[in-house]
Amino acid sequence: MPKTYGPPLTRRTLLTGGVVAMGGLWWTSQRYRTPHHIARLSVQEVFDRAASGEVLLVDIRTPTEWQRTGLPQGAVPLDMRRLDFTTELLRLTGGSADKAVALICAGGVRSSRLALRLSKAGFTQVIDVPEGMVGSAEGPGWLKSKLTIIDWQG
């Protein structure tokens, strides 16, 4: 006779376990933050600094996303999936890896990861906008903050 190691599994037990697991996954996804040394700015701060020319704001989302929501005012669209992304970013900064560059995506995950990658590639003033366009655990995001959006003409 096989050994048993606890109460038998029932539908209720499986359902409860599934609900708990899904809740944990949701909580983790809402609280995700990549630990790093990269500077962070709120959407309002980056809006102000981009308007003054203090920082180059780069929207790293995809063309489909730009078309769906528009672009943040003052942002340059540059799809992070481009093979020549770093080269194009250097062109946009006038060849300087020391220019302040703020990265924004939908919810802060891609911008955080790309900020780390660019920092390792020699960019010295990379800034993450962790709220993103649609918001995250860091804040409401560009859209809910009702900051200016421009249509993407792609």
Protein backbone atom coordinates (compact mmCIF):
# COMPACT_ATOMS: atom_id res chain seq x y z
CA MET A 1 0.00 0.00 0.00
CA PRO A 2 1.45 3.44 -0.97
CA LYS A 3 2.30 5.90 1.76
CA THR A 4 0.28 9.10 2.01
CA TYR A 5 1.80 12.36 3.17
CA GLY A 6 -1.13 14.47 4.28
CA PRO A 7 -4.78 14.95 3.58
CA PRO A 8 -6.06 13.85 0.18
CA LEU A 9 -6.19 16.45 -2.57
CA THR A 10 -9.67 17.71 -3.24
CA ARG A 11 -11.02 20.17 -5.75
CA ARG A 12 -11.38 22.73 -2.97
CA THR A 13 -7.73 22.30 -1.93
CA LEU A 14 -6.53 22.63 -5.51
CA LEU A 15 -8.74 25.67 -6.15
CA THR A 16 -7.59 27.39 -2.95
CA GLY A 17 -3.95 26.71 -3.81
CA GLY A 18 -4.47 28.07 -7.31
CA VAL A 19 -6.12 31.24 -6.03
CA VAL A 20 -3.32 31.81 -3.52
CA ALA A 21 -0.67 31.23 -6.21
CA MET A 22 -2.38 33.60 -8.65
CA GLY A 23 -2.70 36.25 -5.94
CA GLY A 24 1.00 35.93 -5.21
CA LEU A 25 1.87 36.28 -8.88
CA TRP A 26 -0.35 39.35 -9.20
CA TRP A 27 1.18 40.96 -6.10
CA THR A 28 4.69 40.27 -7.40
CA SER A 29 3.90 41.74 -10.83
CA GLN A 30 2.40 44.88 -9.29
CA ARG A 31 5.35 45.40 -6.96
CA TYR A 32 8.12 44.53 -9.42
CA ARG A 33 11.10 46.80 -9.17
CA THR A 34 14.48 46.09 -10.66
CA PRO A 35 17.07 46.91 -8.01
CA HIS A 36 19.71 49.14 -9.53
CA HIS A 37 21.66 52.33 -9.12
CA ILE A 38 19.99 54.11 -12.04
CA ALA A 39 18.38 57.48 -11.31
CA ARG A 40 14.58 57.59 -11.37
CA LEU A 41 12.20 60.43 -12.16
CA SER A 42 8.44 60.70 -11.87
CA VAL A 43 6.49 61.44 -15.02
CA GLN A 44 5.93 65.04 -13.88
CA GLU A 45 9.65 65.54 -13.22
CA VAL A 46 10.68 64.12 -16.58
CA PHE A 47 7.98 66.17 -18.34
CA ASP A 48 9.41 69.36 -16.81
CA ARG A 49 13.05 68.44 -17.49
CA ALA A 50 12.36 67.39 -21.08
CA ALA A 51 10.49 70.66 -21.71
CA SER A 52 13.48 72.65 -20.44
CA GLY A 53 15.92 70.64 -22.56
CA GLU A 54 17.69 69.30 -19.50
CA VAL A 55 17.02 65.69 -20.50
CA LEU A 56 16.32 63.78 -23.70
CA LEU A 57 13.13 61.77 -23.16
CA VAL A 58 13.09 58.56 -25.21
CA ASP A 59 9.93 56.47 -25.58
CA ILE A 60 11.27 52.94 -26.05
CA ARG A 61 7.91 51.24 -26.69
CA THR A 62 6.82 49.72 -29.99
CA PRO A 63 5.14 51.54 -32.90
CA THR A 64 1.87 49.73 -32.08
CA GLU A 65 1.98 51.20 -28.57
CA TRP A 66 2.78 54.68 -29.87
CA GLN A 67 -0.16 54.48 -32.23
CA ARG A 68 -2.49 53.24 -29.47
CA THR A 69 -1.71 55.90 -26.83
CA GLY A 70 0.33 58.58 -28.58
CA LEU A 71 3.71 59.84 -27.44
CA PRO A 72 4.61 61.86 -24.37
CA GLN A 73 5.13 65.48 -25.38
CA GLY A 74 8.82 66.09 -25.85
CA ALA A 75 9.65 62.41 -26.32
CA VAL A 76 11.59 60.88 -29.17
CA PRO A 77 10.21 57.49 -30.27
CA LEU A 78 12.93 54.85 -30.49
CA ASP A 79 11.84 51.21 -30.45
CA MET A 80 14.15 49.37 -28.08
CA ARG A 81 14.00 46.26 -30.32
CA ARG A 82 15.97 47.99 -33.08
CA LEU A 83 19.28 46.30 -33.73
CA ASP A 84 20.92 49.73 -34.04
CA PHE A 85 19.26 51.13 -30.90
CA THR A 86 22.50 52.19 -29.17
CA THR A 87 23.92 53.71 -32.34
CA GLU A 88 20.71 55.66 -32.97
CA LEU A 89 20.58 56.82 -29.35
CA LEU A 90 24.14 58.10 -29.67
CA ARG A 91 23.12 59.97 -32.83
CA LEU A 92 20.19 61.55 -30.95
CA THR A 93 22.53 62.70 -28.17
CA GLY A 94 24.94 64.25 -30.65
CA GLY A 95 27.44 61.46 -30.11
CA SER A 96 27.67 62.03 -26.37
CA ALA A 97 27.21 59.14 -23.94
CA ASP A 98 27.22 61.76 -21.16
CA LYS A 99 23.94 63.48 -22.09
CA ALA A 100 21.04 62.91 -19.69
CA VAL A 101 18.66 60.39 -21.29
CA ALA A 102 15.34 59.40 -19.67
CA LEU A 103 13.69 56.17 -20.80
CA ILE A 104 9.94 55.58 -20.66
CA CYS A 105 7.97 52.45 -21.57
CA ALA A 106 4.47 51.25 -20.70
CA GLY A 107 4.93 50.27 -17.05
CA GLY A 108 8.58 50.66 -16.10
CA VAL A 109 9.93 47.14 -16.61
CA ARG A 110 11.53 47.56 -20.04
CA SER A 111 12.89 51.02 -19.24
CA SER A 112 14.50 49.69 -16.07
CA ARG A 113 16.19 46.81 -17.85
CA LEU A 114 17.33 48.96 -20.76
CA ALA A 115 18.66 51.62 -18.39
CA LEU A 116 20.92 49.02 -16.80
CA ARG A 117 22.07 47.80 -20.21
CA LEU A 118 22.87 51.32 -21.42
CA SER A 119 24.71 52.11 -18.20
CA LYS A 120 26.90 49.05 -18.73
CA ALA A 121 27.45 50.18 -22.33
CA GLY A 122 28.97 53.47 -21.13
CA PHE A 123 26.04 55.91 -20.93
CA THR A 124 26.66 57.89 -17.76
CA GLN A 125 23.36 59.73 -17.21
CA VAL A 126 20.62 57.20 -17.87
CA ILE A 127 17.35 57.90 -16.08
CA ASP A 128 14.47 55.47 -15.62
CA VAL A 129 10.83 56.62 -15.60
CA PRO A 130 9.40 53.70 -13.59
CA GLU A 131 5.76 54.86 -13.72
CA GLY A 132 5.76 54.51 -17.48
CA MET A 133 2.86 55.53 -19.65
CA VAL A 134 0.13 53.45 -17.98
CA GLY A 135 1.34 53.44 -14.39
CA SER A 136 2.97 50.96 -12.07
CA ALA A 137 3.63 50.47 -8.37
CA GLU A 138 5.77 53.63 -8.64
CA GLY A 139 2.90 55.93 -9.59
CA PRO A 140 -0.07 56.63 -11.87
CA GLY A 141 1.89 57.04 -15.11
CA TRP A 142 1.86 59.63 -17.86
CA LEU A 143 -1.69 58.99 -19.10
CA LYS A 144 -3.45 59.06 -15.70
CA SER A 145 -1.39 62.11 -14.72
CA LYS A 146 -3.01 63.83 -17.71
CA LEU A 147 0.29 65.06 -19.10
CA THR A 148 0.35 66.17 -22.72
CA ILE A 149 0.23 63.49 -25.40
CA ILE A 150 0.98 64.00 -29.09
CA ASP A 151 -0.19 61.75 -31.93
CA TRP A 152 2.43 59.51 -33.42
CA GLN A 153 2.81 60.16 -37.13
CA GLY A 154 4.39 56.86 -38.16
